[in-house]
Amino acid sequence: MDKFLSPFLSKADSMPFLFLGSGFSRRYLNIPTWLSLLEYIAYLTYQNKTGFQKAKRQAAKEFNIETEYNSYMTYLCDIISDDLDEVWYDEDRFEVNREKYWNLIEEKGTPPIKIEIATYLESFKNFLPGLDHEIDALKKITPSSIAGIITTNYDTLQENLFDYEVYSSQEELLFHTKYDLGEIYKIHGSMSDPNSILINTKDYDLIEKKHKYIAAKLLTIFVEHPIFFIGYSIGDEDIRQILNDIQACLSQEQLKEIEDRLFYIVWDPEVETYVDSTYTISFDNGRSITIKKIAINDYSLLYKTLGQNKAKYPIKMLRYVKEDMYNIVLTNDPKNRMMLSLPDRELSSEELSEIEFYYGFGMMERAKNGYRLITPNEIFRDTVFNDGNYESTLFVQETLPYALLKASGYLPIRKYTSQIEESLIPPIVKNNIDRFNDISKFLSHKYNLEKKKSPKDMTVKDALRGPRNDRMKNLSLVHYRKENIEELGDYLRNTLDKDNFNTNGELRRLIRIYDFIKYK
């Protein structure tokens, strides 16, 4: 497959997007089909097997499922949704969801069927057995080989596999700036926001009205990136409509150009490795587009091939660069936000191709003055709130040696030293780590004696129940482990002022303990 795909990926000169359909989530989580999903909701509504069959017969009188699939399915959804409304607001079995989502009902008029769909989909959490190698292959390629995701799926499998920025609805996609890197576009909504789910006739009427706007938002992606359609049937109406709207915006030459960037992936258990062919889609205006079809049995073969085509920098980092550059362009006075270091002579093309870059935005003062000016108080603060955005190697090598000379006692430094190779840690920092190698080193002799007597199962809540004057001491005496250390972290974040960070000796001791346990 590498020999087949590599020429197309190299020609595109950009990372691919995955366009994921319901078959993708069904393959890995056994997420139900649209029809199976409505069958479940019907059983929930009627509490028998006949109600769904009656609803299907009624829908079949209006639409042919073979030729008018979306119309048939949305009408079937309307029937079941109306019947669910009759029981959902009153019956005890729906009480939990009524209370949980009442604000959506009251403020946005969300139909109960969307709430029940979202709740049902939440139960599909475990990967199906036998596909671990595919999941592992997919996880390995996401940081540097996949630019983003477009999906019509409601579930959150995409978000769990790809730690990218999520646009959960068409409204978010239409009205927020997108950067076409490190992003997931959920164009039919998400179970994380039941109101965003598009499934009934009214929703699909809105989809029809917004198709051209959505297509315009996605146009640059289709023009600039390879697109891999995974988990869709070959004649899927949603895909055809999007491609139809996009082809209408392109010249014949542009249409031919993007043909080399469109790949339709189908699962075929009879295929030993893969089989490539083409598939032509014709449109009402007389034009057509021919996309490449790849039949495959094991998706890890595709994922590994895509993984060989890597960006020079992680996709998420590139997105942040693009976002910051965009914001600088919009800034009237960017001179205090950006600093350039330029060579003293003109570089050749060969020299330019070898340049690496280091960038930073919003840290001009730090760039001017250097990491040596970071104070111990700033170190304690970042340990608690984790928003200093310090570069770990620079911080350990430049900041900590000077900070340790200024500080009395132990600084919370393991958060930073745990992120770099031990060989890069300066001797003074390494000595500090070796010296303070146990919680007992942070406590006085008296506290150490009391800690030996304190209950092993004492929690932060238990420590805070005692007299006010004893609370700091009691918090120090809790037997912290990785499993419960965030109880202390939550206490520190709720107690300390993020914007006006002030600590005393007791709080600093707790921060040292938090750093030691969390990052040891």
Protein backbone atom coordinates (compact mmCIF):
# COMPACT_ATOMS: atom_id res chain seq x y z
CA MET A 1 0.00 0.00 0.00
CA ASP A 2 2.92 2.32 0.65
CA LYS A 3 3.91 2.20 -3.02
CA PHE A 4 0.35 3.03 -4.04
CA LEU A 5 -0.35 5.88 -1.59
CA SER A 6 3.06 7.55 -1.18
CA PRO A 7 3.11 9.30 -4.58
CA PHE A 8 -0.31 10.87 -3.92
CA LEU A 9 0.59 11.92 -0.37
CA SER A 10 3.88 13.42 -1.51
CA LYS A 11 2.18 15.31 -4.32
CA ALA A 12 -0.36 16.84 -1.92
CA ASP A 13 2.44 18.24 0.28
CA SER A 14 0.11 18.40 3.30
CA MET A 15 -1.16 16.06 5.99
CA PRO A 16 -4.41 14.15 5.33
CA PHE A 17 -7.84 14.61 6.90
CA LEU A 18 -9.94 11.61 7.89
CA PHE A 19 -13.67 11.81 7.06
CA LEU A 20 -15.18 9.31 9.48
CA GLY A 21 -18.64 7.73 9.25
CA SER A 22 -20.67 5.46 11.49
CA GLY A 23 -18.84 2.34 10.25
CA PHE A 24 -15.67 3.60 11.93
CA SER A 25 -17.27 3.72 15.39
CA ARG A 26 -19.17 0.51 14.74
CA ARG A 27 -15.93 -1.29 13.91
CA TYR A 28 -14.21 -0.37 17.16
CA LEU A 29 -17.03 0.21 19.68
CA ASN A 30 -19.99 -1.62 18.10
CA ILE A 31 -21.91 1.67 17.96
CA PRO A 32 -25.37 0.88 16.51
CA THR A 33 -26.43 1.86 13.00
CA TRP A 34 -28.99 4.64 12.57
CA LEU A 35 -31.74 2.04 12.20
CA SER A 36 -30.57 0.03 15.23
CA LEU A 37 -30.36 3.22 17.26
CA LEU A 38 -33.98 4.08 16.50
CA GLU A 39 -34.98 0.48 17.22
CA TYR A 40 -33.51 0.84 20.72
CA ILE A 41 -35.31 4.16 21.30
CA ALA A 42 -38.54 2.57 20.02
CA TYR A 43 -38.26 -0.28 22.51
CA LEU A 44 -37.57 2.29 25.24
CA THR A 45 -40.70 4.15 24.15
CA TYR A 46 -43.21 1.34 23.52
CA GLN A 47 -41.66 -1.32 25.78
CA ASN A 48 -42.51 -4.00 23.23
CA LYS A 49 -41.24 -5.31 19.89
CA THR A 50 -44.26 -4.35 17.82
CA GLY A 51 -44.10 -0.57 18.21
CA PHE A 52 -40.98 -0.26 16.05
CA GLN A 53 -42.49 -2.38 13.28
CA LYS A 54 -45.62 -0.21 13.24
CA ALA A 55 -43.50 2.95 13.02
CA LYS A 56 -41.48 1.47 10.14
CA ARG A 57 -44.64 0.57 8.20
CA GLN A 58 -45.96 4.09 8.69
CA ALA A 59 -42.68 5.62 7.45
CA ALA A 60 -42.61 3.24 4.45
CA LYS A 61 -45.95 4.65 3.29
CA GLU A 62 -44.29 8.05 2.86
CA PHE A 63 -40.75 7.23 1.70
CA ASN A 64 -38.83 4.42 0.00
CA ILE A 65 -35.89 3.42 2.21
CA GLU A 66 -33.90 2.29 -0.83
CA THR A 67 -34.13 5.54 -2.82
CA GLU A 68 -34.99 8.11 -0.11
CA TYR A 69 -32.96 6.81 2.81
CA ASN A 70 -32.45 10.06 4.75
CA SER A 71 -36.05 11.14 4.30
CA TYR A 72 -37.29 7.73 5.42
CA MET A 73 -35.03 7.65 8.48
CA THR A 74 -35.77 11.18 9.67
CA TYR A 75 -39.51 10.60 9.27
CA LEU A 76 -39.21 7.35 11.24
CA CYS A 77 -37.35 9.32 13.91
CA ASP A 78 -40.19 11.89 14.00
CA ILE A 79 -42.78 9.16 14.65
CA ILE A 80 -40.84 7.59 17.51
CA SER A 81 -39.87 10.99 18.91
CA ASP A 82 -43.50 12.15 19.09
CA ASP A 83 -44.53 8.95 20.89
CA LEU A 84 -41.60 9.22 23.30
CA ASP A 85 -42.71 12.75 24.20
CA GLU A 86 -46.01 11.33 25.43
CA VAL A 87 -44.35 9.24 28.17
CA TRP A 88 -40.97 10.86 28.82
CA TYR A 89 -42.17 13.84 30.84
CA ASP A 90 -44.23 11.80 33.30
CA GLU A 91 -42.92 8.28 33.78
CA ASP A 92 -40.52 7.52 36.64
CA ARG A 93 -38.10 5.56 34.42
CA PHE A 94 -37.03 8.81 32.76
CA GLU A 95 -36.69 10.81 35.98
CA VAL A 96 -32.86 10.73 36.10
CA ASN A 97 -32.47 12.15 32.59
CA ARG A 98 -35.25 14.68 33.16
CA GLU A 99 -33.35 16.13 36.11
CA LYS A 100 -29.95 15.90 34.44
CA TYR A 101 -31.00 17.61 31.20
CA TRP A 102 -33.92 19.77 32.26
CA ASN A 103 -32.03 22.95 31.38
CA LEU A 104 -31.80 21.75 27.75
CA ILE A 105 -35.53 21.02 27.70
CA GLU A 106 -36.45 24.32 29.27
CA GLU A 107 -33.93 26.65 27.63
CA LYS A 108 -33.39 25.08 24.20
CA GLY A 109 -36.42 22.86 23.68
CA THR A 110 -34.25 19.79 23.11
CA PRO A 111 -36.42 16.78 22.13
CA PRO A 112 -36.19 13.94 24.68
CA ILE A 113 -35.18 11.52 21.90
CA LYS A 114 -31.83 13.32 21.55
CA ILE A 115 -31.22 13.06 25.29
CA GLU A 116 -31.94 9.33 25.26
CA ILE A 117 -29.73 8.81 22.21
CA ALA A 118 -26.84 10.61 23.92
CA THR A 119 -27.35 8.58 27.09
CA TYR A 120 -27.43 5.29 25.17
CA LEU A 121 -24.26 6.10 23.21
CA GLU A 122 -22.41 6.82 26.46
CA SER A 123 -22.64 3.10 27.28
CA PHE A 124 -20.39 2.15 24.34
CA LYS A 125 -16.95 2.64 25.90
CA ASN A 126 -14.97 -0.57 25.42
CA PHE A 127 -13.08 -1.46 22.27
CA LEU A 128 -14.12 -4.68 20.59
CA PRO A 129 -11.64 -7.55 21.06
CA GLY A 130 -9.20 -8.48 18.32
CA LEU A 131 -8.63 -4.96 16.99
CA ASP A 132 -6.03 -3.68 19.45
CA HIS A 133 -3.35 -3.65 16.74
CA GLU A 134 -5.47 -1.29 14.62
CA ILE A 135 -6.18 1.04 17.55
CA ASP A 136 -2.50 1.09 18.51
CA ALA A 137 -1.47 1.85 14.93
CA LEU A 138 -3.99 4.68 14.74
CA LYS A 139 -2.91 6.24 18.05
CA LYS A 140 0.72 6.26 16.95
CA ILE A 141 0.10 8.29 13.80
CA THR A 142 -2.13 11.04 15.22
CA PRO A 143 0.47 13.48 16.62
CA SER A 144 2.29 14.14 13.34
CA SER A 145 0.48 12.43 10.45
CA ILE A 146 -3.21 13.42 10.58
CA ALA A 147 -4.13 17.08 10.11
CA GLY A 148 -7.69 16.71 11.38
CA ILE A 149 -11.00 14.88 11.43
CA ILE A 150 -14.38 15.50 9.81
CA THR A 151 -17.18 13.25 11.06
CA THR A 152 -20.94 12.78 11.06
CA ASN A 153 -20.69 10.56 14.15
CA TYR A 154 -22.32 11.57 17.45
CA ASP A 155 -20.05 9.47 19.69
CA THR A 156 -16.74 10.65 21.12
CA LEU A 157 -14.41 7.94 19.82
CA GLN A 158 -12.70 10.53 17.62
CA GLU A 159 -12.03 12.84 20.57
CA ASN A 160 -10.63 9.96 22.63
CA LEU A 161 -8.24 8.86 19.90
CA PHE A 162 -7.24 12.33 18.70
CA ASP A 163 -6.43 14.96 21.32
CA TYR A 164 -7.52 17.77 18.99
CA GLU A 165 -9.69 20.88 19.28
CA VAL A 166 -13.35 19.85 18.87
CA TYR A 167 -16.11 21.72 17.04
CA SER A 168 -19.19 19.87 18.31
CA SER A 169 -21.84 21.32 16.00
CA GLN A 170 -22.40 23.04 12.69
CA GLU A 171 -22.86 26.34 14.53
CA GLU A 172 -19.41 26.10 16.11
CA LEU A 173 -17.89 25.27 12.74
CA LEU A 174 -19.66 28.15 11.00
CA PHE A 175 -19.13 30.87 13.58
CA HIS A 176 -15.66 30.14 14.99
CA THR A 177 -12.30 30.63 13.35
CA LYS A 178 -10.91 27.30 12.24
CA TYR A 179 -7.30 26.62 11.39
CA ASP A 180 -7.58 23.29 9.50
CA LEU A 181 -4.98 21.71 11.78
CA GLY A 182 -5.42 19.64 14.92
CA GLU A 183 -9.21 19.99 14.80
CA ILE A 184 -12.27 17.71 14.79
CA TYR A 185 -15.39 18.92 12.96
CA LYS A 186 -18.53 17.09 14.13
CA ILE A 187 -20.91 18.29 11.43
CA HIS A 188 -23.92 16.32 12.71
CA GLY A 189 -23.47 17.11 16.40
CA SER A 190 -22.16 15.30 19.45
CA MET A 191 -23.54 13.20 22.29
CA SER A 192 -21.66 15.54 24.66
CA ASP A 193 -24.28 18.16 23.74
CA PRO A 194 -27.58 16.37 23.00
CA ASN A 195 -29.11 19.53 21.56
CA SER A 196 -26.49 19.54 18.78
CA ILE A 197 -27.50 16.09 17.50
CA LEU A 198 -29.02 16.28 14.00
CA ILE A 199 -31.37 13.36 13.41
CA ASN A 200 -34.99 14.33 12.70
CA THR A 201 -36.75 15.91 9.71
CA LYS A 202 -36.45 19.44 11.08
CA ASP A 203 -32.71 18.93 11.61
CA TYR A 204 -32.18 17.63 8.09
CA ASP A 205 -34.11 20.54 6.64
CA LEU A 206 -31.56 22.78 8.37
CA ILE A 207 -28.74 20.63 7.01
CA GLU A 208 -30.09 21.17 3.51
CA LYS A 209 -30.16 24.93 4.04
CA LYS A 210 -26.64 25.02 5.48
CA HIS A 211 -24.98 22.55 3.11
CA LYS A 212 -23.40 25.25 0.98
CA TYR A 213 -22.09 27.14 4.03
CA ILE A 214 -20.58 23.96 5.48
CA ALA A 215 -19.10 23.08 2.09
CA ALA A 216 -17.55 26.55 1.88
CA LYS A 217 -15.96 26.04 5.31
CA LEU A 218 -14.57 22.67 4.23
CA LEU A 219 -13.52 23.76 0.73
CA THR A 220 -9.92 24.69 1.63
CA ILE A 221 -9.49 21.32 3.33
CA PHE A 222 -10.60 19.42 0.23
CA VAL A 223 -8.43 21.57 -2.03
CA GLU A 224 -5.27 21.38 0.09
CA HIS A 225 -5.38 18.03 1.92
CA PRO A 226 -5.78 14.36 1.02
CA ILE A 227 -9.17 13.13 2.31
CA PHE A 228 -9.74 9.55 3.45
CA PHE A 229 -13.41 8.53 3.75
CA ILE A 230 -13.67 5.72 6.31
CA GLY A 231 -16.85 4.09 7.61
CA TYR A 232 -19.27 5.26 4.89
CA SER A 233 -21.27 3.34 2.34
CA ILE A 234 -20.35 4.07 -1.25
CA GLY A 235 -23.60 5.91 -1.96
CA ASP A 236 -23.95 7.83 1.32
CA GLU A 237 -26.24 10.83 0.74
CA ASP A 238 -24.36 13.13 3.12
CA ILE A 239 -21.04 12.56 1.38
CA ARG A 240 -22.58 12.94 -2.07
CA GLN A 241 -24.19 16.24 -1.04
CA ILE A 242 -20.98 17.66 0.38
CA LEU A 243 -19.01 16.62 -2.70
CA ASN A 244 -21.74 18.06 -4.91
CA ASP A 245 -21.55 21.46 -3.18
CA ILE A 246 -17.75 21.46 -3.30
CA GLN A 247 -17.51 20.50 -6.98
CA ALA A 248 -19.89 23.35 -7.82
CA CYS A 249 -17.30 25.79 -6.44
CA LEU A 250 -14.40 24.42 -8.49
CA SER A 251 -13.28 24.76 -12.08
CA GLN A 252 -12.95 21.61 -14.16
CA GLU A 253 -9.16 21.79 -13.76
CA GLN A 254 -9.43 22.11 -9.96
CA LEU A 255 -11.89 19.24 -9.87
CA LYS A 256 -9.42 17.01 -11.71
CA GLU A 257 -6.65 18.09 -9.35
CA ILE A 258 -8.47 17.10 -6.15
CA GLU A 259 -9.33 13.67 -7.58
CA ASP A 260 -5.80 12.61 -6.61
CA ARG A 261 -6.57 13.59 -3.00
CA LEU A 262 -9.82 11.68 -2.43
CA PHE A 263 -9.68 8.10 -1.12
CA TYR A 264 -12.67 5.94 -0.29
CA ILE A 265 -11.78 3.08 2.11
CA VAL A 266 -14.02 0.01 2.34
CA TRP A 267 -13.67 -3.08 4.49
CA ASP A 268 -13.59 -6.37 2.62
CA PRO A 269 -12.90 -9.56 4.65
CA GLU A 270 -12.01 -11.43 1.45
CA VAL A 271 -9.07 -9.15 0.61
CA GLU A 272 -5.66 -10.44 1.70
CA THR A 273 -3.89 -7.05 1.83
CA TYR A 274 -5.62 -4.38 -0.28
CA VAL A 275 -7.15 -3.83 -3.70
CA ASP A 276 -7.25 -0.39 -5.33
CA SER A 277 -9.74 0.73 -7.94
CA THR A 278 -11.73 3.87 -8.79
CA TYR A 279 -15.30 4.99 -8.24
CA THR A 280 -17.05 7.75 -10.18
CA ILE A 281 -19.76 9.97 -8.71
CA SER A 282 -21.95 11.87 -11.18
CA PHE A 283 -23.76 15.11 -10.34
CA ASP A 284 -26.92 16.74 -11.66
CA ASN A 285 -24.97 19.47 -13.47
CA GLY A 286 -23.40 16.87 -15.75
CA ARG A 287 -20.04 16.88 -14.02
CA SER A 288 -18.46 13.95 -12.21
CA ILE A 289 -15.60 13.17 -9.92
CA THR A 290 -13.57 9.97 -9.81
CA ILE A 291 -12.17 8.99 -6.44
CA LYS A 292 -9.77 6.21 -5.53
CA LYS A 293 -11.30 3.21 -3.80
CA ILE A 294 -9.23 0.99 -1.54
CA ALA A 295 -10.66 -2.32 -0.31
CA ILE A 296 -8.89 -3.51 2.81
CA ASN A 297 -9.20 -6.24 5.42
CA ASP A 298 -6.88 -4.90 8.13
CA TYR A 299 -6.99 -1.13 8.71
CA SER A 300 -3.62 -1.13 10.48
CA LEU A 301 -2.04 -1.44 7.03
CA LEU A 302 -3.60 1.92 6.08
CA TYR A 303 -2.75 3.57 9.40
CA LYS A 304 0.90 2.47 9.24
CA THR A 305 1.19 3.77 5.69
CA LEU A 306 -0.25 7.14 6.70
CA GLY A 307 2.16 7.17 9.65
CA GLN A 308 5.14 7.17 7.31
CA ASN A 309 4.08 10.57 5.98
CA LYS A 310 4.93 12.78 8.96
CA ALA A 311 4.89 16.52 9.49
CA LYS A 312 8.17 18.03 10.68
CA TYR A 313 6.43 19.26 13.85
CA PRO A 314 3.50 17.85 15.87
CA ILE A 315 0.11 18.78 14.40
CA LYS A 316 -1.15 20.36 17.65
CA MET A 317 1.91 22.58 17.86
CA LEU A 318 1.43 23.68 14.25
CA ARG A 319 -2.16 24.60 15.07
CA TYR A 320 -1.04 26.78 17.96
CA VAL A 321 1.51 28.48 15.72
CA LYS A 322 -1.15 29.13 13.09
CA GLU A 323 -3.60 30.44 15.68
CA ASP A 324 -1.03 32.76 17.25
CA MET A 325 0.12 34.07 13.88
CA TYR A 326 -3.51 34.72 12.98
CA ASN A 327 -3.99 36.68 16.21
CA ILE A 328 -0.82 38.68 15.61
CA VAL A 329 -2.05 39.64 12.15
CA LEU A 330 -5.26 40.94 13.76
CA THR A 331 -3.30 42.91 16.38
CA ASN A 332 -2.84 46.62 15.63
CA ASP A 333 0.48 46.78 17.46
CA PRO A 334 2.26 43.41 17.38
CA LYS A 335 5.73 44.78 18.18
CA ASN A 336 5.49 43.80 21.86
CA ARG A 337 4.30 40.30 21.08
CA MET A 338 6.87 39.06 18.57
CA MET A 339 10.65 39.10 18.27
CA LEU A 340 12.64 38.01 15.20
CA SER A 341 16.25 36.92 15.02
CA LEU A 342 17.47 37.45 11.45
CA PRO A 343 20.75 36.29 9.84
CA ASP A 344 23.24 39.00 8.89
CA ARG A 345 23.38 37.84 5.28
CA GLU A 346 21.05 36.45 2.65
CA LEU A 347 20.76 32.66 2.82
CA SER A 348 20.86 30.28 -0.10
CA SER A 349 17.91 28.01 -0.91
CA GLU A 350 19.87 25.06 0.44
CA GLU A 351 20.59 26.86 3.74
CA LEU A 352 16.97 27.94 4.10
CA SER A 353 15.76 24.35 3.69
CA GLU A 354 17.89 23.27 6.65
CA ILE A 355 16.64 25.92 9.09
CA GLU A 356 14.80 24.76 12.20
CA PHE A 357 12.68 27.26 14.08
CA TYR A 358 11.90 28.03 17.68
CA TYR A 359 8.91 30.20 18.39
CA GLY A 360 7.14 31.80 21.30
CA PHE A 361 4.20 34.16 21.61
CA GLY A 362 3.01 36.21 24.54
CA MET A 363 6.35 35.78 26.36
CA MET A 364 8.28 38.80 25.12
CA GLU A 365 9.55 39.83 28.55
CA ARG A 366 10.69 36.28 29.24
CA ALA A 367 12.43 36.15 25.88
CA LYS A 368 14.24 39.43 26.62
CA ASN A 369 15.28 38.70 30.18
CA GLY A 370 15.74 34.96 30.07
CA TYR A 371 14.68 32.07 32.21
CA ARG A 372 17.04 33.09 35.00
CA LEU A 373 14.57 35.72 36.20
CA ILE A 374 11.86 33.21 37.11
CA THR A 375 11.37 33.49 40.87
CA PRO A 376 10.77 30.71 43.42
CA ASN A 377 7.27 32.09 43.94
CA GLU A 378 6.55 31.60 40.23
CA ILE A 379 7.80 28.04 40.49
CA PHE A 380 5.46 27.28 43.39
CA ARG A 381 2.60 28.90 41.50
CA ASP A 382 3.16 26.92 38.30
CA THR A 383 3.36 23.68 40.28
CA VAL A 384 -0.19 24.32 41.49
CA PHE A 385 -1.83 25.85 38.42
CA ASN A 386 0.29 24.34 35.61
CA ASP A 387 -0.05 27.35 33.31
CA GLY A 388 3.50 28.77 33.19
CA ASN A 389 4.13 27.09 29.82
CA TYR A 390 7.86 26.86 30.52
CA GLU A 391 10.07 24.87 28.17
CA SER A 392 11.29 22.02 30.37
CA THR A 393 14.95 21.78 29.32
CA LEU A 394 15.54 25.53 29.47
CA PHE A 395 13.74 25.69 32.79
CA VAL A 396 15.79 22.92 34.42
CA GLN A 397 19.12 24.11 33.01
CA GLU A 398 18.69 27.88 33.28
CA THR A 399 16.07 28.59 35.95
CA LEU A 400 16.57 25.96 38.63
CA PRO A 401 20.30 26.36 39.32
CA TYR A 402 19.78 30.06 40.08
CA ALA A 403 16.47 29.57 41.88
CA LEU A 404 17.96 26.91 44.16
CA LEU A 405 20.78 29.26 45.17
CA LYS A 406 18.21 31.89 46.15
CA ALA A 407 15.73 29.59 47.84
CA SER A 408 15.91 28.23 51.34
CA GLY A 409 15.04 24.55 51.42
CA TYR A 410 13.52 22.43 48.70
CA LEU A 411 11.76 23.78 45.61
CA PRO A 412 9.03 21.79 43.82
CA ILE A 413 11.15 20.81 40.84
CA ARG A 414 10.13 17.25 39.97
CA LYS A 415 7.37 18.43 37.64
CA TYR A 416 10.09 19.82 35.38
CA THR A 417 12.92 17.32 35.89
CA SER A 418 10.57 14.40 35.18
CA GLN A 419 10.06 15.74 31.64
CA ILE A 420 13.70 15.62 30.48
CA GLU A 421 16.48 13.04 30.31
CA GLU A 422 18.48 12.63 33.51
CA SER A 423 21.72 13.38 31.65
CA LEU A 424 20.49 16.92 30.97
CA ILE A 425 19.90 17.76 34.64
CA PRO A 426 22.64 20.05 36.13
CA PRO A 427 24.53 18.71 39.19
CA ILE A 428 23.06 21.27 41.62
CA VAL A 429 19.54 20.24 40.60
CA LYS A 430 20.39 16.54 40.75
CA ASN A 431 21.87 16.98 44.24
CA ASN A 432 18.65 18.66 45.38
CA ILE A 433 16.60 15.74 44.06
CA ASP A 434 18.85 13.22 45.82
CA ARG A 435 18.79 15.19 49.05
CA PHE A 436 15.01 15.47 49.26
CA ASN A 437 14.15 11.91 48.28
CA ASP A 438 11.43 11.18 50.83
CA ILE A 439 8.35 12.93 52.25
CA SER A 440 9.95 12.84 55.71
CA LYS A 441 12.51 15.39 54.47
CA PHE A 442 9.72 17.97 54.07
CA LEU A 443 8.42 17.52 57.63
CA SER A 444 9.77 18.54 61.01
CA HIS A 445 10.84 15.87 63.51
CA LYS A 446 7.61 16.48 65.45
CA TYR A 447 5.46 16.13 62.33
CA ASN A 448 7.25 12.93 61.32
CA LEU A 449 6.46 11.40 64.70
CA GLU A 450 2.80 12.38 64.39
CA LYS A 451 2.62 11.10 60.82
CA LYS A 452 3.59 7.61 61.98
CA LYS A 453 0.54 7.66 64.24
CA SER A 454 -1.89 9.20 61.72
CA PRO A 455 -4.50 6.88 60.12
CA LYS A 456 -3.40 5.38 56.79
CA ASP A 457 -6.84 6.03 55.28
CA MET A 458 -7.17 9.67 56.35
CA THR A 459 -8.29 11.84 53.43
CA VAL A 460 -7.98 15.56 52.75
CA LYS A 461 -11.62 15.95 53.77
CA ASP A 462 -10.84 14.22 57.08
CA ALA A 463 -7.87 16.54 57.65
CA LEU A 464 -10.04 19.61 57.06
CA ARG A 465 -12.67 18.54 59.57
CA GLY A 466 -10.41 19.23 62.55
CA PRO A 467 -9.89 22.57 64.32
CA ARG A 468 -8.89 25.39 61.96
CA ASN A 469 -5.48 25.80 63.59
CA ASP A 470 -4.65 22.13 62.98
CA ARG A 471 -5.73 21.88 59.35
CA MET A 472 -2.38 22.68 57.71
CA LYS A 473 -0.62 20.20 59.97
CA ASN A 474 -3.26 17.52 59.37
CA LEU A 475 -2.98 17.98 55.61
CA SER A 476 0.75 17.30 55.90
CA LEU A 477 0.05 14.08 57.81
CA VAL A 478 -2.18 12.48 55.16
CA HIS A 479 -0.53 9.40 53.60
CA TYR A 480 -0.54 10.59 49.99
CA ARG A 481 -0.24 8.27 46.98
CA LYS A 482 -0.56 8.79 43.24
CA GLU A 483 -4.19 7.68 43.53
CA ASN A 484 -5.21 10.40 46.00
CA ILE A 485 -2.69 13.21 45.43
CA GLU A 486 -5.14 15.25 43.33
CA GLU A 487 -7.27 15.66 46.46
CA LEU A 488 -4.43 17.84 47.72
CA GLY A 489 -4.06 19.44 44.29
CA ASP A 490 -7.74 20.40 44.26
CA TYR A 491 -7.42 21.85 47.77
CA LEU A 492 -4.42 23.99 46.75
CA ARG A 493 -6.10 25.26 43.58
CA ASN A 494 -9.26 26.16 45.50
CA THR A 495 -7.35 27.82 48.35
CA LEU A 496 -4.71 29.86 46.53
CA ASP A 497 -5.41 32.91 44.37
CA LYS A 498 -4.27 32.29 40.81
CA ASP A 499 -3.84 35.98 40.02
CA ASN A 500 -2.48 37.12 43.38
CA PHE A 501 -0.41 34.13 44.43
CA ASN A 502 0.77 34.30 48.03
CA THR A 503 1.89 31.42 50.22
CA ASN A 504 3.20 30.83 53.71
CA GLY A 505 5.55 28.15 54.97
CA GLU A 506 2.82 25.60 55.57
CA LEU A 507 1.29 26.01 52.11
CA ARG A 508 4.71 25.74 50.50
CA ARG A 509 5.29 22.50 52.36
CA LEU A 510 2.03 21.14 50.93
CA ILE A 511 3.05 22.23 47.42
CA ARG A 512 6.39 20.42 47.82
CA ILE A 513 4.53 17.28 48.90
CA TYR A 514 2.15 17.59 45.93
CA ASP A 515 5.05 17.94 43.48
CA PHE A 516 7.00 15.04 45.04
CA ILE A 517 4.13 12.52 44.97
CA LYS A 518 2.62 13.52 41.63
CA TYR A 519 5.86 13.48 39.64
CA LYS A 520 8.10 10.99 41.46
